[in-house]
Amino acid sequence: MSNTEAPISVTFKTTKQSLVTIRANDAEEFSNIVAHNVTILADAVKEAEEAIHSTVGGPATAAPTKQQAVSSLAKSLGAIVVTEGANGPNAESPDRFCVHGRMNRLEGNGQYGLYKGFFCPTPKGSTDKCATQYVKKQEPEFVHFYADKK
């Protein structure tokens, strides 16, 4: 401990994640600081937090729409958004989308046998083509999957 550091040091975290540290030389001094300055400290911290958050965060923004919230969550989790309420033969296997739009439903016989999957709509060989999302045989969706009509 340095010569300038007090033997008692307590740090509090506010609801907005700011840290407030109170230092004292002994328990009595600590108790007096807290008792006499708790309201002043609380008001000062609140005022500082409001000033910081209004400067950093800018003006208050509207709450995100359901679609924006779902997209944001999917992006943060690396997930794929599957649309709700699909009709027709693919009702049990809804459409999937990538950043380029609705993915194409394709099926065929490949090197490893029958495959079904969702393919990025960008042209073959594109450098920004999204990964194919195969439907595995053990997934219930495999039975209800129908390829797009071409």
Protein backbone atom coordinates (compact mmCIF):
# COMPACT_ATOMS: atom_id res chain seq x y z
CA MET A 1 0.00 0.00 0.00
CA SER A 2 1.33 3.42 -0.95
CA ASN A 3 1.58 6.29 1.54
CA THR A 4 -1.29 8.14 -0.13
CA GLU A 5 -3.76 5.24 -0.23
CA ALA A 6 -6.32 4.99 2.57
CA PRO A 7 -6.54 1.71 4.51
CA ILE A 8 -10.31 1.48 3.89
CA SER A 9 -11.51 1.59 0.33
CA VAL A 10 -15.02 0.55 -0.77
CA THR A 11 -16.22 0.65 -4.38
CA PHE A 12 -19.89 0.61 -5.38
CA LYS A 13 -21.28 -0.11 -8.86
CA THR A 14 -24.31 1.93 -9.86
CA THR A 15 -27.21 0.66 -11.93
CA LYS A 16 -25.66 2.30 -15.01
CA GLN A 17 -22.37 0.48 -14.32
CA SER A 18 -20.43 3.51 -13.00
CA LEU A 19 -18.00 2.87 -10.14
CA VAL A 20 -17.90 5.07 -7.03
CA THR A 21 -15.07 4.60 -4.54
CA ILE A 22 -15.07 5.90 -0.97
CA ARG A 23 -11.77 5.92 0.95
CA ALA A 24 -11.17 6.51 4.66
CA ASN A 25 -8.41 6.07 7.22
CA ASP A 26 -10.60 4.24 9.74
CA ALA A 27 -14.13 2.90 10.28
CA GLU A 28 -15.34 6.04 12.03
CA GLU A 29 -14.15 8.31 9.21
CA PHE A 30 -15.76 5.99 6.65
CA SER A 31 -19.05 6.01 8.54
CA ASN A 32 -19.01 9.82 8.76
CA ILE A 33 -18.26 10.22 5.04
CA VAL A 34 -21.13 7.94 4.09
CA ALA A 35 -23.59 9.41 6.61
CA HIS A 36 -22.93 13.04 5.68
CA ASN A 37 -22.40 12.69 1.95
CA VAL A 38 -24.61 9.85 0.76
CA THR A 39 -27.22 12.14 -0.82
CA ILE A 40 -24.59 14.42 -2.33
CA LEU A 41 -22.73 11.41 -3.75
CA ALA A 42 -25.91 9.86 -5.17
CA ASP A 43 -26.96 13.13 -6.84
CA ALA A 44 -23.47 13.74 -8.24
CA VAL A 45 -23.25 10.22 -9.68
CA LYS A 46 -26.74 10.46 -11.19
CA GLU A 47 -25.95 13.83 -12.77
CA ALA A 48 -22.63 12.58 -14.18
CA GLU A 49 -24.21 9.41 -15.58
CA GLU A 50 -27.01 11.36 -17.26
CA ALA A 51 -24.50 13.76 -18.80
CA ILE A 52 -22.30 10.91 -20.06
CA HIS A 53 -25.16 8.83 -21.43
CA SER A 54 -26.81 11.78 -23.17
CA THR A 55 -23.49 12.71 -24.81
CA VAL A 56 -22.42 9.19 -25.74
CA GLY A 57 -25.80 7.70 -26.49
CA GLY A 58 -27.23 10.75 -28.23
CA PRO A 59 -30.94 11.38 -28.21
CA ALA A 60 -33.26 8.61 -27.14
CA THR A 61 -34.22 6.32 -29.99
CA ALA A 62 -37.46 4.45 -30.54
CA ALA A 63 -37.65 0.82 -29.50
CA PRO A 64 -36.74 -1.57 -32.32
CA THR A 65 -39.51 -3.27 -34.25
CA LYS A 66 -40.05 -7.00 -33.82
CA GLN A 67 -38.34 -7.65 -37.16
CA GLN A 68 -35.33 -5.47 -36.21
CA ALA A 69 -35.04 -7.20 -32.84
CA VAL A 70 -35.20 -10.67 -34.43
CA SER A 71 -32.63 -9.71 -37.09
CA SER A 72 -30.29 -8.25 -34.49
CA LEU A 73 -30.58 -11.31 -32.28
CA ALA A 74 -30.07 -13.69 -35.20
CA LYS A 75 -26.99 -11.76 -36.33
CA SER A 76 -25.46 -11.76 -32.84
CA LEU A 77 -26.02 -15.51 -32.48
CA GLY A 78 -25.03 -16.38 -36.04
CA ALA A 79 -28.52 -17.84 -36.45
CA ILE A 80 -30.79 -18.21 -39.44
CA VAL A 81 -34.22 -16.60 -39.43
CA VAL A 82 -36.97 -18.96 -40.54
CA THR A 83 -40.21 -17.27 -41.57
CA GLU A 84 -43.48 -18.01 -39.80
CA GLY A 85 -46.77 -19.01 -41.37
CA ALA A 86 -45.52 -20.57 -44.58
CA ASN A 87 -48.31 -21.92 -46.77
CA GLY A 88 -48.51 -24.68 -49.35
CA PRO A 89 -46.43 -27.82 -49.57
CA ASN A 90 -43.61 -26.31 -47.52
CA ALA A 91 -45.75 -25.33 -44.52
CA GLU A 92 -43.70 -27.71 -42.34
CA SER A 93 -40.46 -26.44 -43.89
CA PRO A 94 -40.60 -22.62 -44.03
CA ASP A 95 -38.43 -20.48 -46.26
CA ARG A 96 -35.01 -19.34 -45.14
CA PHE A 97 -33.27 -16.10 -45.96
CA CYS A 98 -29.67 -14.95 -46.19
CA VAL A 99 -28.31 -11.45 -46.72
CA HIS A 100 -29.02 -11.83 -50.47
CA GLY A 101 -32.72 -12.67 -50.07
CA ARG A 102 -34.86 -15.82 -50.05
CA MET A 103 -32.70 -18.92 -50.35
CA ASN A 104 -33.44 -21.41 -53.15
CA ARG A 105 -34.76 -24.83 -52.13
CA LEU A 106 -32.85 -27.54 -53.97
CA GLU A 107 -32.68 -31.31 -53.72
CA GLY A 108 -30.83 -33.92 -55.69
CA ASN A 109 -28.47 -36.88 -55.61
CA GLY A 110 -24.88 -36.07 -54.89
CA GLN A 111 -21.69 -37.87 -53.99
CA TYR A 112 -23.15 -38.84 -50.58
CA GLY A 113 -26.67 -39.64 -51.76
CA LEU A 114 -29.89 -37.65 -51.55
CA TYR A 115 -29.55 -34.07 -50.34
CA LYS A 116 -32.00 -31.28 -49.61
CA GLY A 117 -31.05 -27.76 -48.71
CA PHE A 118 -31.33 -24.02 -48.96
CA PHE A 119 -28.89 -22.35 -51.34
CA CYS A 120 -27.89 -18.68 -51.57
CA PRO A 121 -29.53 -16.99 -54.60
CA THR A 122 -26.29 -15.32 -55.77
CA PRO A 123 -24.77 -16.70 -58.99
CA LYS A 124 -22.54 -19.76 -58.74
CA GLY A 125 -18.93 -18.77 -58.07
CA SER A 126 -19.76 -15.42 -56.43
CA THR A 127 -17.18 -14.48 -53.82
CA ASP A 128 -19.84 -13.38 -51.33
CA LYS A 129 -22.07 -16.45 -51.71
CA CYS A 130 -23.53 -17.58 -48.38
CA ALA A 131 -23.04 -21.10 -47.02
CA THR A 132 -25.56 -23.75 -48.03
CA GLN A 133 -27.92 -24.81 -45.25
CA TYR A 134 -28.50 -28.54 -45.68
CA VAL A 135 -31.51 -30.25 -44.14
CA LYS A 136 -30.33 -33.44 -42.47
CA LYS A 137 -32.16 -36.74 -42.99
CA GLN A 138 -32.80 -37.11 -39.24
CA GLU A 139 -34.56 -33.72 -39.06
CA PRO A 140 -38.38 -33.72 -39.32
CA GLU A 141 -38.11 -30.95 -41.90
CA PHE A 142 -36.44 -33.38 -44.33
CA VAL A 143 -39.72 -35.28 -44.87
CA HIS A 144 -41.72 -32.09 -45.53
CA PHE A 145 -39.10 -30.38 -47.71
CA TYR A 146 -40.01 -29.71 -51.35
CA ALA A 147 -37.63 -28.15 -53.83
CA ASP A 148 -38.61 -24.99 -55.72
CA LYS A 149 -40.26 -25.57 -59.12
CA LYS A 150 -37.98 -24.39 -61.91
